[in-house]
Amino acid sequence: ALQKALGELPEEQREVVVMRIWSGMTLEEVAAVTEVSLNTASSRYRYALEKLRERLQPLPGHSQDGG
């Protein structure tokens, strides 16, 4: 589900999430590598996380603990 949700993100947002979470880069490092401002990198990361949270919400009537 996470991989599918990541694939649905805009490329710029997906790139920031991958660098930040899987590569362990700071937002400052991500901004430098992608040649954008720190504010832009931060915004892309924030928007991506919001979209991922929305897409990965449990279905109504299903609890997160499985019961």
N, C-alpha and C. Protein backbone atom coordinates (compact mmCIF):
# COMPACT_ATOMS: atom_id res chain seq x y z
N ALA A 1 0.83 -1.20 0.00
CA ALA A 1 0.00 0.00 0.00
C ALA A 1 0.87 1.26 0.00
N LEU A 2 1.95 1.22 0.79
CA LEU A 2 2.84 2.38 0.86
C LEU A 2 3.51 2.63 -0.49
N GLN A 3 3.99 1.58 -1.12
CA GLN A 3 4.66 1.73 -2.41
C GLN A 3 3.69 2.30 -3.46
N LYS A 4 2.45 1.83 -3.43
CA LYS A 4 1.44 2.35 -4.37
C LYS A 4 1.18 3.82 -4.09
N ALA A 5 1.02 4.17 -2.81
CA ALA A 5 0.77 5.56 -2.44
C ALA A 5 1.94 6.46 -2.82
N LEU A 6 3.16 5.98 -2.62
CA LEU A 6 4.34 6.76 -3.03
C LEU A 6 4.33 6.99 -4.54
N GLY A 7 3.95 5.97 -5.28
CA GLY A 7 3.92 6.08 -6.73
C GLY A 7 2.90 7.08 -7.24
N GLU A 8 1.90 7.39 -6.42
CA GLU A 8 0.87 8.33 -6.80
C GLU A 8 1.24 9.78 -6.49
N LEU A 9 2.33 9.97 -5.75
CA LEU A 9 2.77 11.33 -5.42
C LEU A 9 3.42 11.99 -6.63
N PRO A 10 3.37 13.33 -6.69
CA PRO A 10 4.14 14.02 -7.72
C PRO A 10 5.63 13.69 -7.54
N GLU A 11 6.35 13.63 -8.64
CA GLU A 11 7.77 13.25 -8.62
C GLU A 11 8.58 14.04 -7.60
N GLU A 12 8.38 15.36 -7.54
CA GLU A 12 9.16 16.20 -6.63
C GLU A 12 8.93 15.82 -5.17
N GLN A 13 7.68 15.49 -4.83
CA GLN A 13 7.37 15.11 -3.45
C GLN A 13 7.91 13.72 -3.14
N ARG A 14 7.76 12.79 -4.07
CA ARG A 14 8.26 11.43 -3.86
C ARG A 14 9.78 11.45 -3.65
N GLU A 15 10.46 12.25 -4.45
CA GLU A 15 11.91 12.36 -4.36
C GLU A 15 12.36 12.82 -2.97
N VAL A 16 11.68 13.82 -2.43
CA VAL A 16 12.03 14.33 -1.11
C VAL A 16 11.78 13.27 -0.03
N VAL A 17 10.66 12.58 -0.11
CA VAL A 17 10.35 11.54 0.88
C VAL A 17 11.39 10.43 0.85
N VAL A 18 11.75 9.97 -0.35
CA VAL A 18 12.73 8.89 -0.46
C VAL A 18 14.07 9.33 0.11
N MET A 19 14.51 10.53 -0.25
CA MET A 19 15.80 11.01 0.26
C MET A 19 15.78 11.19 1.76
N ARG A 20 14.69 11.72 2.26
CA ARG A 20 14.58 12.03 3.69
C ARG A 20 14.46 10.76 4.53
N ILE A 21 13.58 9.85 4.16
CA ILE A 21 13.29 8.69 4.99
C ILE A 21 14.25 7.54 4.70
N TRP A 22 14.38 7.16 3.43
CA TRP A 22 15.18 5.97 3.13
C TRP A 22 16.68 6.26 3.06
N SER A 23 17.06 7.48 2.66
CA SER A 23 18.48 7.81 2.60
C SER A 23 18.95 8.50 3.87
N GLY A 24 18.02 8.91 4.72
CA GLY A 24 18.38 9.54 5.99
C GLY A 24 18.97 10.93 5.86
N MET A 25 18.68 11.59 4.76
CA MET A 25 19.21 12.93 4.54
C MET A 25 18.40 13.96 5.33
N THR A 26 19.07 15.04 5.71
CA THR A 26 18.35 16.14 6.34
C THR A 26 17.63 16.94 5.25
N LEU A 27 16.68 17.75 5.65
CA LEU A 27 15.99 18.58 4.67
C LEU A 27 16.96 19.57 4.02
N GLU A 28 17.97 20.00 4.76
CA GLU A 28 18.99 20.89 4.20
C GLU A 28 19.75 20.17 3.08
N GLU A 29 20.10 18.90 3.31
CA GLU A 29 20.80 18.12 2.30
C GLU A 29 19.91 17.87 1.09
N VAL A 30 18.64 17.56 1.34
CA VAL A 30 17.69 17.34 0.25
C VAL A 30 17.57 18.61 -0.60
N ALA A 31 17.47 19.75 0.05
CA ALA A 31 17.35 21.02 -0.66
C ALA A 31 18.59 21.26 -1.54
N ALA A 32 19.76 20.98 -1.01
CA ALA A 32 20.99 21.19 -1.77
C ALA A 32 21.06 20.26 -2.99
N VAL A 33 20.73 18.98 -2.78
CA VAL A 33 20.80 18.01 -3.87
C VAL A 33 19.78 18.32 -4.97
N THR A 34 18.59 18.72 -4.57
CA THR A 34 17.54 19.00 -5.55
C THR A 34 17.58 20.43 -6.07
N GLU A 35 18.51 21.22 -5.53
CA GLU A 35 18.71 22.61 -5.96
C GLU A 35 17.46 23.46 -5.80
N VAL A 36 16.80 23.30 -4.63
CA VAL A 36 15.67 24.16 -4.28
C VAL A 36 15.95 24.75 -2.90
N SER A 37 15.13 25.73 -2.50
CA SER A 37 15.32 26.33 -1.19
C SER A 37 14.90 25.34 -0.09
N LEU A 38 15.36 25.59 1.11
CA LEU A 38 14.97 24.76 2.25
C LEU A 38 13.46 24.82 2.44
N ASN A 39 12.86 26.00 2.25
CA ASN A 39 11.41 26.12 2.39
C ASN A 39 10.68 25.25 1.37
N THR A 40 11.17 25.21 0.15
CA THR A 40 10.53 24.39 -0.89
C THR A 40 10.66 22.91 -0.55
N ALA A 41 11.84 22.49 -0.13
CA ALA A 41 12.05 21.09 0.24
C ALA A 41 11.14 20.71 1.41
N SER A 42 11.04 21.59 2.39
CA SER A 42 10.19 21.34 3.56
C SER A 42 8.73 21.24 3.16
N SER A 43 8.29 22.13 2.29
CA SER A 43 6.89 22.11 1.84
C SER A 43 6.58 20.83 1.07
N ARG A 44 7.48 20.44 0.19
CA ARG A 44 7.26 19.20 -0.58
C ARG A 44 7.15 18.00 0.35
N TYR A 45 8.00 17.98 1.36
CA TYR A 45 7.99 16.87 2.33
C TYR A 45 6.68 16.86 3.11
N ARG A 46 6.28 18.04 3.59
CA ARG A 46 5.04 18.15 4.37
C ARG A 46 3.82 17.75 3.54
N TYR A 47 3.73 18.25 2.31
CA TYR A 47 2.60 17.90 1.44
C TYR A 47 2.58 16.41 1.14
N ALA A 48 3.76 15.84 0.91
CA ALA A 48 3.84 14.41 0.62
C ALA A 48 3.35 13.59 1.80
N LEU A 49 3.77 13.95 3.00
CA LEU A 49 3.33 13.20 4.18
C LEU A 49 1.83 13.32 4.39
N GLU A 50 1.28 14.50 4.13
CA GLU A 50 -0.17 14.68 4.26
C GLU A 50 -0.90 13.77 3.28
N LYS A 51 -0.43 13.71 2.04
CA LYS A 51 -1.08 12.87 1.03
C LYS A 51 -0.94 11.39 1.38
N LEU A 52 0.23 11.00 1.88
CA LEU A 52 0.42 9.60 2.28
C LEU A 52 -0.50 9.24 3.43
N ARG A 53 -0.64 10.13 4.42
CA ARG A 53 -1.55 9.86 5.54
C ARG A 53 -2.97 9.66 5.04
N GLU A 54 -3.41 10.53 4.13
CA GLU A 54 -4.77 10.41 3.59
C GLU A 54 -4.96 9.08 2.88
N ARG A 55 -4.01 8.69 2.06
CA ARG A 55 -4.14 7.47 1.27
C ARG A 55 -4.02 6.21 2.10
N LEU A 56 -3.32 6.29 3.21
CA LEU A 56 -3.06 5.10 4.02
C LEU A 56 -3.97 4.99 5.24
N GLN A 57 -5.01 5.82 5.30
CA GLN A 57 -5.98 5.72 6.39
C GLN A 57 -6.68 4.39 6.33
N PRO A 58 -6.96 3.79 7.50
CA PRO A 58 -7.72 2.54 7.46
C PRO A 58 -9.12 2.78 6.91
N LEU A 59 -9.69 1.77 6.30
CA LEU A 59 -11.04 1.88 5.78
C LEU A 59 -12.03 2.06 6.95
N PRO A 60 -13.13 2.77 6.72
CA PRO A 60 -14.12 2.92 7.79
C PRO A 60 -14.57 1.55 8.28
N GLY A 61 -14.65 1.40 9.59
CA GLY A 61 -15.07 0.14 10.17
C GLY A 61 -13.95 -0.81 10.45
N HIS A 62 -12.71 -0.45 10.06
CA HIS A 62 -11.55 -1.29 10.32
C HIS A 62 -10.65 -0.56 11.32
N SER A 63 -10.31 -1.25 12.40
CA SER A 63 -9.41 -0.63 13.35
C SER A 63 -7.97 -0.91 12.96
N GLN A 64 -7.06 -0.07 13.45
CA GLN A 64 -5.65 -0.22 13.10
C GLN A 64 -5.02 -1.41 13.81
N ASP A 65 -5.59 -1.85 14.93
CA ASP A 65 -4.97 -2.97 15.68
C ASP A 65 -5.50 -4.33 15.23
N GLY A 66 -6.33 -4.31 14.19
CA GLY A 66 -6.83 -5.57 13.63
C GLY A 66 -8.02 -6.15 14.36
N GLY A 67 -8.54 -5.46 15.38
CA GLY A 67 -9.67 -6.03 16.09
C GLY A 67 -10.70 -5.05 16.29
